[in-house]
PDB file of N, CA and C in Angstrom:
ATOM      1  N   UNK A   1      20.454   8.221 -48.940  1.00  0.00           N
ATOM      2  CA  UNK A   1      19.285   8.961 -48.499  1.00  0.00           C
ATOM      3  C   UNK A   1      18.709   9.715 -49.683  1.00  0.00           C
ATOM      4  N   UNK A   2      17.376   9.631 -49.829  1.00  0.00           N
ATOM      5  CA  UNK A   2      16.697  10.250 -50.956  1.00  0.00           C
ATOM      6  C   UNK A   2      15.955  11.495 -50.474  1.00  0.00           C
ATOM      7  N   UNK A   3      16.140  12.581 -51.111  1.00  0.00           N
ATOM      8  CA  UNK A   3      15.426  13.808 -50.745  1.00  0.00           C
ATOM      9  C   UNK A   3      14.346  14.093 -51.776  1.00  0.00           C
ATOM     10  N   UNK A   4      13.283  14.677 -51.330  1.00  0.00           N
ATOM     11  CA  UNK A   4      12.188  15.026 -52.225  1.00  0.00           C
ATOM     12  C   UNK A   4      12.263  16.514 -52.495  1.00  0.00           C
ATOM     13  N   UNK A   5      12.318  16.835 -53.738  1.00  0.00           N
ATOM     14  CA  UNK A   5      12.314  18.252 -54.095  1.00  0.00           C
ATOM     15  C   UNK A   5      10.935  18.613 -54.638  1.00  0.00           C
ATOM     16  N   UNK A   6      10.671  19.862 -54.678  1.00  0.00           N
ATOM     17  CA  UNK A   6       9.378  20.325 -55.182  1.00  0.00           C
ATOM     18  C   UNK A   6       9.206  19.912 -56.640  1.00  0.00           C
ATOM     19  N   UNK A   7      10.254  19.844 -57.377  1.00  0.00           N
ATOM     20  CA  UNK A   7      10.171  19.466 -58.783  1.00  0.00           C
ATOM     21  C   UNK A   7       9.734  18.015 -58.949  1.00  0.00           C
ATOM     22  N   UNK A   8      10.004  17.169 -57.945  1.00  0.00           N
ATOM     23  CA  UNK A   8       9.661  15.759 -58.079  1.00  0.00           C
ATOM     24  C   UNK A   8       8.204  15.464 -57.697  1.00  0.00           C
ATOM     25  N   UNK A   9       7.502  16.427 -57.080  1.00  0.00           N
ATOM     26  CA  UNK A   9       6.108  16.223 -56.712  1.00  0.00           C
ATOM     27  C   UNK A   9       5.199  16.447 -57.920  1.00  0.00           C
ATOM     28  N   UNK A  10       4.135  15.663 -58.033  1.00  0.00           N
ATOM     29  CA  UNK A  10       3.241  15.840 -59.175  1.00  0.00           C
ATOM     30  C   UNK A  10       2.468  17.154 -59.073  1.00  0.00           C
ATOM     31  N   UNK A  11       2.094  17.679 -60.217  1.00  0.00           N
ATOM     32  CA  UNK A  11       1.325  18.921 -60.268  1.00  0.00           C
ATOM     33  C   UNK A  11      -0.138  18.597 -59.956  1.00  0.00           C
ATOM     34  N   UNK A  12      -0.613  19.072 -58.839  1.00  0.00           N
ATOM     35  CA  UNK A  12      -1.987  18.781 -58.423  1.00  0.00           C
ATOM     36  C   UNK A  12      -2.932  19.952 -58.703  1.00  0.00           C
ATOM     37  N   UNK A  13      -2.486  20.980 -59.359  1.00  0.00           N
ATOM     38  CA  UNK A  13      -3.354  22.123 -59.594  1.00  0.00           C
ATOM     39  C   UNK A  13      -4.539  21.757 -60.479  1.00  0.00           C
ATOM     40  N   UNK A  14      -4.380  20.821 -61.392  1.00  0.00           N
ATOM     41  CA  UNK A  14      -5.480  20.403 -62.247  1.00  0.00           C
ATOM     42  C   UNK A  14      -6.277  19.258 -61.622  1.00  0.00           C
ATOM     43  N   UNK A  15      -5.680  18.513 -60.721  1.00  0.00           N
ATOM     44  CA  UNK A  15      -6.373  17.385 -60.096  1.00  0.00           C
ATOM     45  C   UNK A  15      -7.431  17.860 -59.106  1.00  0.00           C
ATOM     46  N   UNK A  16      -7.198  18.964 -58.425  1.00  0.00           N
ATOM     47  CA  UNK A  16      -8.124  19.507 -57.439  1.00  0.00           C
ATOM     48  C   UNK A  16      -8.376  20.981 -57.718  1.00  0.00           C
ATOM     49  N   UNK A  17      -9.137  21.271 -58.769  1.00  0.00           N
ATOM     50  CA  UNK A  17      -9.391  22.685 -59.074  1.00  0.00           C
ATOM     51  C   UNK A  17     -10.327  23.297 -58.036  1.00  0.00           C
ATOM     52  N   UNK A  18     -10.215  24.593 -57.835  1.00  0.00           N
ATOM     53  CA  UNK A  18     -11.097  25.298 -56.907  1.00  0.00           C
ATOM     54  C   UNK A  18     -12.477  25.454 -57.502  1.00  0.00           C
ATOM     55  N   UNK A  19     -13.399  26.020 -56.741  1.00  0.00           N
ATOM     56  CA  UNK A  19     -14.750  26.199 -57.262  1.00  0.00           C
ATOM     57  C   UNK A  19     -14.747  27.167 -58.446  1.00  0.00           C
ATOM     58  N   UNK A  20     -15.531  26.841 -59.444  1.00  0.00           N
ATOM     59  CA  UNK A  20     -15.601  27.692 -60.616  1.00  0.00           C
ATOM     60  C   UNK A  20     -16.502  28.892 -60.346  1.00  0.00           C
ATOM     61  N   UNK A  21     -16.467  29.829 -61.241  1.00  0.00           N
ATOM     62  CA  UNK A  21     -17.306  31.022 -61.127  1.00  0.00           C
ATOM     63  C   UNK A  21     -18.791  30.620 -61.172  1.00  0.00           C
ATOM     64  N   UNK A  22     -19.121  29.633 -62.009  1.00  0.00           N
ATOM     65  CA  UNK A  22     -20.506  29.157 -62.103  1.00  0.00           C
ATOM     66  C   UNK A  22     -20.951  28.536 -60.782  1.00  0.00           C
ATOM     67  N   UNK A  23     -20.066  27.780 -60.120  1.00  0.00           N
ATOM     68  CA  UNK A  23     -20.396  27.198 -58.813  1.00  0.00           C
ATOM     69  C   UNK A  23     -20.677  28.296 -57.788  1.00  0.00           C
ATOM     70  N   UNK A  24     -19.858  29.318 -57.815  1.00  0.00           N
ATOM     71  CA  UNK A  24     -20.023  30.429 -56.883  1.00  0.00           C
ATOM     72  C   UNK A  24     -21.362  31.128 -57.117  1.00  0.00           C
ATOM     73  N   UNK A  25     -21.687  31.401 -58.384  1.00  0.00           N
ATOM     74  CA  UNK A  25     -22.955  32.057 -58.711  1.00  0.00           C
ATOM     75  C   UNK A  25     -24.145  31.194 -58.300  1.00  0.00           C
ATOM     76  N   UNK A  26     -24.047  29.888 -58.509  1.00  0.00           N
ATOM     77  CA  UNK A  26     -25.121  28.977 -58.139  1.00  0.00           C
ATOM     78  C   UNK A  26     -25.322  28.968 -56.621  1.00  0.00           C
ATOM     79  N   UNK A  27     -24.236  28.981 -55.870  1.00  0.00           N
ATOM     80  CA  UNK A  27     -24.341  29.002 -54.404  1.00  0.00           C
ATOM     81  C   UNK A  27     -24.987  30.291 -53.909  1.00  0.00           C
ATOM     82  N   UNK A  28     -24.572  31.418 -54.486  1.00  0.00           N
ATOM     83  CA  UNK A  28     -25.143  32.708 -54.088  1.00  0.00           C
ATOM     84  C   UNK A  28     -26.624  32.762 -54.433  1.00  0.00           C
ATOM     85  N   UNK A  29     -26.984  32.305 -55.631  1.00  0.00           N
ATOM     86  CA  UNK A  29     -28.384  32.297 -56.051  1.00  0.00           C
ATOM     87  C   UNK A  29     -29.226  31.423 -55.140  1.00  0.00           C
ATOM     88  N   UNK A  30     -28.720  30.259 -54.787  1.00  0.00           N
ATOM     89  CA  UNK A  30     -29.438  29.358 -53.883  1.00  0.00           C
ATOM     90  C   UNK A  30     -29.611  30.005 -52.518  1.00  0.00           C
ATOM     91  N   UNK A  31     -28.574  30.617 -52.015  1.00  0.00           N
ATOM     92  CA  UNK A  31     -28.623  31.277 -50.709  1.00  0.00           C
ATOM     93  C   UNK A  31     -29.667  32.391 -50.699  1.00  0.00           C
ATOM     94  N   UNK A  32     -29.675  33.213 -51.735  1.00  0.00           N
ATOM     95  CA  UNK A  32     -30.628  34.331 -51.814  1.00  0.00           C
ATOM     96  C   UNK A  32     -32.055  33.804 -51.927  1.00  0.00           C
ATOM     97  N   UNK A  33     -32.264  32.797 -52.768  1.00  0.00           N
ATOM     98  CA  UNK A  33     -33.623  32.265 -52.918  1.00  0.00           C
ATOM     99  C   UNK A  33     -34.111  31.634 -51.618  1.00  0.00           C
ATOM    100  N   UNK A  34     -33.223  30.979 -50.875  1.00  0.00           N
ATOM    101  CA  UNK A  34     -33.606  30.405 -49.582  1.00  0.00           C
ATOM    102  C   UNK A  34     -34.036  31.499 -48.607  1.00  0.00           C
ATOM    103  N   UNK A  35     -33.344  32.608 -48.619  1.00  0.00           N
ATOM    104  CA  UNK A  35     -33.690  33.722 -47.734  1.00  0.00           C
ATOM    105  C   UNK A  35     -35.043  34.312 -48.119  1.00  0.00           C
ATOM    106  N   UNK A  36     -35.318  34.404 -49.409  1.00  0.00           N
ATOM    107  CA  UNK A  36     -36.584  34.978 -49.858  1.00  0.00           C
ATOM    108  C   UNK A  36     -37.768  34.043 -49.599  1.00  0.00           C
ATOM    109  N   UNK A  37     -37.537  32.743 -49.625  1.00  0.00           N
ATOM    110  CA  UNK A  37     -38.608  31.768 -49.437  1.00  0.00           C
ATOM    111  C   UNK A  37     -38.894  31.526 -47.957  1.00  0.00           C
ATOM    112  N   UNK A  38     -37.941  31.752 -47.105  1.00  0.00           N
ATOM    113  CA  UNK A  38     -38.082  31.438 -45.679  1.00  0.00           C
ATOM    114  C   UNK A  38     -39.313  32.072 -45.029  1.00  0.00           C
ATOM    115  N   UNK A  39     -39.616  33.345 -45.244  1.00  0.00           N
ATOM    116  CA  UNK A  39     -40.836  33.895 -44.636  1.00  0.00           C
ATOM    117  C   UNK A  39     -42.111  33.179 -45.100  1.00  0.00           C
ATOM    118  N   UNK A  40     -42.138  32.707 -46.332  1.00  0.00           N
ATOM    119  CA  UNK A  40     -43.301  31.966 -46.826  1.00  0.00           C
ATOM    120  C   UNK A  40     -43.437  30.623 -46.120  1.00  0.00           C
ATOM    121  N   UNK A  41     -42.312  29.975 -45.854  1.00  0.00           N
ATOM    122  CA  UNK A  41     -42.315  28.707 -45.117  1.00  0.00           C
ATOM    123  C   UNK A  41     -42.830  28.944 -43.697  1.00  0.00           C
ATOM    124  N   UNK A  42     -42.361  30.008 -43.070  1.00  0.00           N
ATOM    125  CA  UNK A  42     -42.808  30.322 -41.714  1.00  0.00           C
ATOM    126  C   UNK A  42     -44.309  30.609 -41.680  1.00  0.00           C
ATOM    127  N   UNK A  43     -44.796  31.358 -42.666  1.00  0.00           N
ATOM    128  CA  UNK A  43     -46.222  31.675 -42.713  1.00  0.00           C
ATOM    129  C   UNK A  43     -47.059  30.407 -42.895  1.00  0.00           C
ATOM    130  N   UNK A  44     -46.604  29.518 -43.768  1.00  0.00           N
ATOM    131  CA  UNK A  44     -47.330  28.267 -43.987  1.00  0.00           C
ATOM    132  C   UNK A  44     -47.387  27.440 -42.704  1.00  0.00           C
ATOM    133  N   UNK A  45     -46.261  27.351 -41.974  1.00  0.00           N
ATOM    134  CA  UNK A  45     -46.245  26.607 -40.711  1.00  0.00           C
ATOM    135  C   UNK A  45     -47.243  27.198 -39.722  1.00  0.00           C
ATOM    136  N   UNK A  46     -47.250  28.513 -39.625  1.00  0.00           N
ATOM    137  CA  UNK A  46     -48.160  29.186 -38.703  1.00  0.00           C
ATOM    138  C   UNK A  46     -49.610  28.864 -39.055  1.00  0.00           C
ATOM    139  N   UNK A  47     -49.959  28.989 -40.330  1.00  0.00           N
ATOM    140  CA  UNK A  47     -51.333  28.730 -40.760  1.00  0.00           C
ATOM    141  C   UNK A  47     -51.722  27.270 -40.582  1.00  0.00           C
ATOM    142  N   UNK A  48     -50.796  26.353 -40.861  1.00  0.00           N
ATOM    143  CA  UNK A  48     -51.093  24.932 -40.663  1.00  0.00           C
ATOM    144  C   UNK A  48     -51.337  24.615 -39.194  1.00  0.00           C
ATOM    145  N   UNK A  49     -50.574  25.216 -38.314  1.00  0.00           N
ATOM    146  CA  UNK A  49     -50.760  24.969 -36.881  1.00  0.00           C
ATOM    147  C   UNK A  49     -52.063  25.573 -36.394  1.00  0.00           C
ATOM    148  N   UNK A  50     -52.438  26.719 -36.953  1.00  0.00           N
ATOM    149  CA  UNK A  50     -53.724  27.311 -36.589  1.00  0.00           C
ATOM    150  C   UNK A  50     -54.872  26.422 -37.059  1.00  0.00           C
ATOM    151  N   UNK A  51     -54.742  25.828 -38.240  1.00  0.00           N
ATOM    152  CA  UNK A  51     -55.776  24.917 -38.750  1.00  0.00           C
ATOM    153  C   UNK A  51     -55.838  23.649 -37.895  1.00  0.00           C
ATOM    154  N   UNK A  52     -54.689  23.138 -37.491  1.00  0.00           N
ATOM    155  CA  UNK A  52     -54.667  21.955 -36.622  1.00  0.00           C
ATOM    156  C   UNK A  52     -55.399  22.209 -35.310  1.00  0.00           C
ATOM    157  N   UNK A  53     -55.308  23.428 -34.814  1.00  0.00           N
ATOM    158  CA  UNK A  53     -55.939  23.762 -33.535  1.00  0.00           C
ATOM    159  C   UNK A  53     -57.458  23.613 -33.603  1.00  0.00           C
ATOM    160  N   UNK A  54     -58.024  23.648 -34.799  1.00  0.00           N
ATOM    161  CA  UNK A  54     -59.480  23.550 -34.938  1.00  0.00           C
ATOM    162  C   UNK A  54     -59.964  22.113 -35.110  1.00  0.00           C
ATOM    163  N   UNK A  55     -59.056  21.154 -35.206  1.00  0.00           N
ATOM    164  CA  UNK A  55     -59.448  19.755 -35.441  1.00  0.00           C
ATOM    165  C   UNK A  55     -60.174  19.171 -34.241  1.00  0.00           C
ATOM    166  N   UNK A  56     -61.229  18.411 -34.528  1.00  0.00           N
ATOM    167  CA  UNK A  56     -61.950  17.713 -33.468  1.00  0.00           C
ATOM    168  C   UNK A  56     -61.312  16.334 -33.245  1.00  0.00           C
ATOM    169  N   UNK A  57     -61.843  15.604 -32.282  1.00  0.00           N
ATOM    170  CA  UNK A  57     -61.271  14.294 -31.921  1.00  0.00           C
ATOM    171  C   UNK A  57     -61.258  13.319 -33.100  1.00  0.00           C
ATOM    172  N   UNK A  58     -62.321  13.342 -33.894  1.00  0.00           N
ATOM    173  CA  UNK A  58     -62.414  12.423 -35.030  1.00  0.00           C
ATOM    174  C   UNK A  58     -61.302  12.693 -36.055  1.00  0.00           C
ATOM    175  N   UNK A  59     -61.095  13.946 -36.380  1.00  0.00           N
ATOM    176  CA  UNK A  59     -60.025  14.291 -37.332  1.00  0.00           C
ATOM    177  C   UNK A  59     -58.649  13.935 -36.775  1.00  0.00           C
ATOM    178  N   UNK A  60     -58.434  14.220 -35.513  1.00  0.00           N
ATOM    179  CA  UNK A  60     -57.143  13.890 -34.897  1.00  0.00           C
ATOM    180  C   UNK A  60     -56.889  12.387 -34.952  1.00  0.00           C
ATOM    181  N   UNK A  61     -57.931  11.609 -34.675  1.00  0.00           N
ATOM    182  CA  UNK A  61     -57.775  10.156 -34.727  1.00  0.00           C
ATOM    183  C   UNK A  61     -57.442   9.705 -36.148  1.00  0.00           C
ATOM    184  N   UNK A  62     -58.073  10.336 -37.159  1.00  0.00           N
ATOM    185  CA  UNK A  62     -57.804   9.993 -38.558  1.00  0.00           C
ATOM    186  C   UNK A  62     -56.338  10.192 -38.935  1.00  0.00           C
ATOM    187  N   UNK A  63     -55.722  11.238 -38.404  1.00  0.00           N
ATOM    188  CA  UNK A  63     -54.322  11.502 -38.764  1.00  0.00           C
ATOM    189  C   UNK A  63     -53.343  10.949 -37.737  1.00  0.00           C
ATOM    190  N   UNK A  64     -53.866  10.293 -36.730  1.00  0.00           N
ATOM    191  CA  UNK A  64     -53.001   9.612 -35.766  1.00  0.00           C
ATOM    192  C   UNK A  64     -52.378  10.511 -34.724  1.00  0.00           C
ATOM    193  N   UNK A  65     -53.077  11.580 -34.347  1.00  0.00           N
ATOM    194  CA  UNK A  65     -52.566  12.482 -33.318  1.00  0.00           C
ATOM    195  C   UNK A  65     -53.462  12.442 -32.096  1.00  0.00           C
ATOM    196  N   UNK A  66     -52.858  12.712 -30.960  1.00  0.00           N
ATOM    197  CA  UNK A  66     -53.607  12.853 -29.722  1.00  0.00           C
ATOM    198  C   UNK A  66     -53.696  14.341 -29.384  1.00  0.00           C
ATOM    199  N   UNK A  67     -54.489  14.666 -28.398  1.00  0.00           N
ATOM    200  CA  UNK A  67     -54.574  16.066 -27.953  1.00  0.00           C
ATOM    201  C   UNK A  67     -53.206  16.556 -27.445  1.00  0.00           C
ATOM    202  N   UNK A  68     -52.454  15.671 -26.816  1.00  0.00           N
ATOM    203  CA  UNK A  68     -51.121  16.047 -26.320  1.00  0.00           C
ATOM    204  C   UNK A  68     -50.182  16.351 -27.488  1.00  0.00           C
ATOM    205  N   UNK A  69     -50.237  15.504 -28.530  1.00  0.00           N
ATOM    206  CA  UNK A  69     -49.428  15.761 -29.736  1.00  0.00           C
ATOM    207  C   UNK A  69     -49.795  17.107 -30.339  1.00  0.00           C
ATOM    208  N   UNK A  70     -51.089  17.365 -30.403  1.00  0.00           N
ATOM    209  CA  UNK A  70     -51.580  18.611 -30.979  1.00  0.00           C
ATOM    210  C   UNK A  70     -51.107  19.810 -30.165  1.00  0.00           C
ATOM    211  N   UNK A  71     -51.217  19.715 -28.856  1.00  0.00           N
ATOM    212  CA  UNK A  71     -50.773  20.816 -27.992  1.00  0.00           C
ATOM    213  C   UNK A  71     -49.286  21.083 -28.162  1.00  0.00           C
ATOM    214  N   UNK A  72     -48.508  20.016 -28.268  1.00  0.00           N
ATOM    215  CA  UNK A  72     -47.060  20.163 -28.450  1.00  0.00           C
ATOM    216  C   UNK A  72     -46.750  20.829 -29.788  1.00  0.00           C
ATOM    217  N   UNK A  73     -47.464  20.431 -30.832  1.00  0.00           N
ATOM    218  CA  UNK A  73     -47.228  21.001 -32.172  1.00  0.00           C
ATOM    219  C   UNK A  73     -47.634  22.466 -32.224  1.00  0.00           C
ATOM    220  N   UNK A  74     -48.766  22.786 -31.656  1.00  0.00           N
ATOM    221  CA  UNK A  74     -49.249  24.173 -31.671  1.00  0.00           C
ATOM    222  C   UNK A  74     -48.345  25.090 -30.856  1.00  0.00           C
ATOM    223  N   UNK A  75     -47.730  24.564 -29.818  1.00  0.00           N
ATOM    224  CA  UNK A  75     -46.876  25.381 -28.947  1.00  0.00           C
ATOM    225  C   UNK A  75     -45.533  25.743 -29.604  1.00  0.00           C
ATOM    226  N   UNK A  76     -45.169  25.073 -30.674  1.00  0.00           N
ATOM    227  CA  UNK A  76     -43.893  25.371 -31.330  1.00  0.00           C
ATOM    228  C   UNK A  76     -43.916  26.762 -31.952  1.00  0.00           C
ATOM    229  N   UNK A  77     -42.803  27.467 -31.891  1.00  0.00           N
ATOM    230  CA  UNK A  77     -42.733  28.746 -32.608  1.00  0.00           C
ATOM    231  C   UNK A  77     -42.711  28.498 -34.124  1.00  0.00           C
ATOM    232  N   UNK A  78     -43.100  29.489 -34.898  1.00  0.00           N
ATOM    233  CA  UNK A  78     -43.226  29.316 -36.347  1.00  0.00           C
ATOM    234  C   UNK A  78     -41.924  28.939 -37.034  1.00  0.00           C
ATOM    235  N   UNK A  79     -40.796  29.265 -36.460  1.00  0.00           N
ATOM    236  CA  UNK A  79     -39.518  28.986 -37.137  1.00  0.00           C
ATOM    237  C   UNK A  79     -39.033  27.559 -36.907  1.00  0.00           C
ATOM    238  N   UNK A  80     -39.692  26.814 -36.018  1.00  0.00           N
ATOM    239  CA  UNK A  80     -39.306  25.415 -35.771  1.00  0.00           C
ATOM    240  C   UNK A  80     -40.163  24.476 -36.570  1.00  0.00           C
ATOM    241  N   UNK A  81     -39.517  23.508 -37.207  1.00  0.00           N
ATOM    242  CA  UNK A  81     -40.248  22.509 -38.001  1.00  0.00           C
ATOM    243  C   UNK A  81     -40.794  21.429 -37.126  1.00  0.00           C
TER     244      UNK A  81
END
C-alpha cells in the first residue's frame, strides 16, 4: 500500500498564483469608473426615449419600428436597456 505524504505533492503555489496588486487596482478602478458613468448612461437612455416619442410614422418605418414597439420602448424605466 502506497501512502501520499504532503512532501510528495508538487508545489502548486507558483502554478496558480493569486491576483496581483495590479489586478486588484485595475478591478477597483473599473468598478469606480462604471459607477461614475452609470448616471450618464441612464440620462442618455432617457433622452433617446424622449426623442423616439416624437417620431412620426415615416421615421418609425425607416428604422423598422411600429407604434407598439415604440410604446413598449418608451414605457421602460431609464435603468433598463
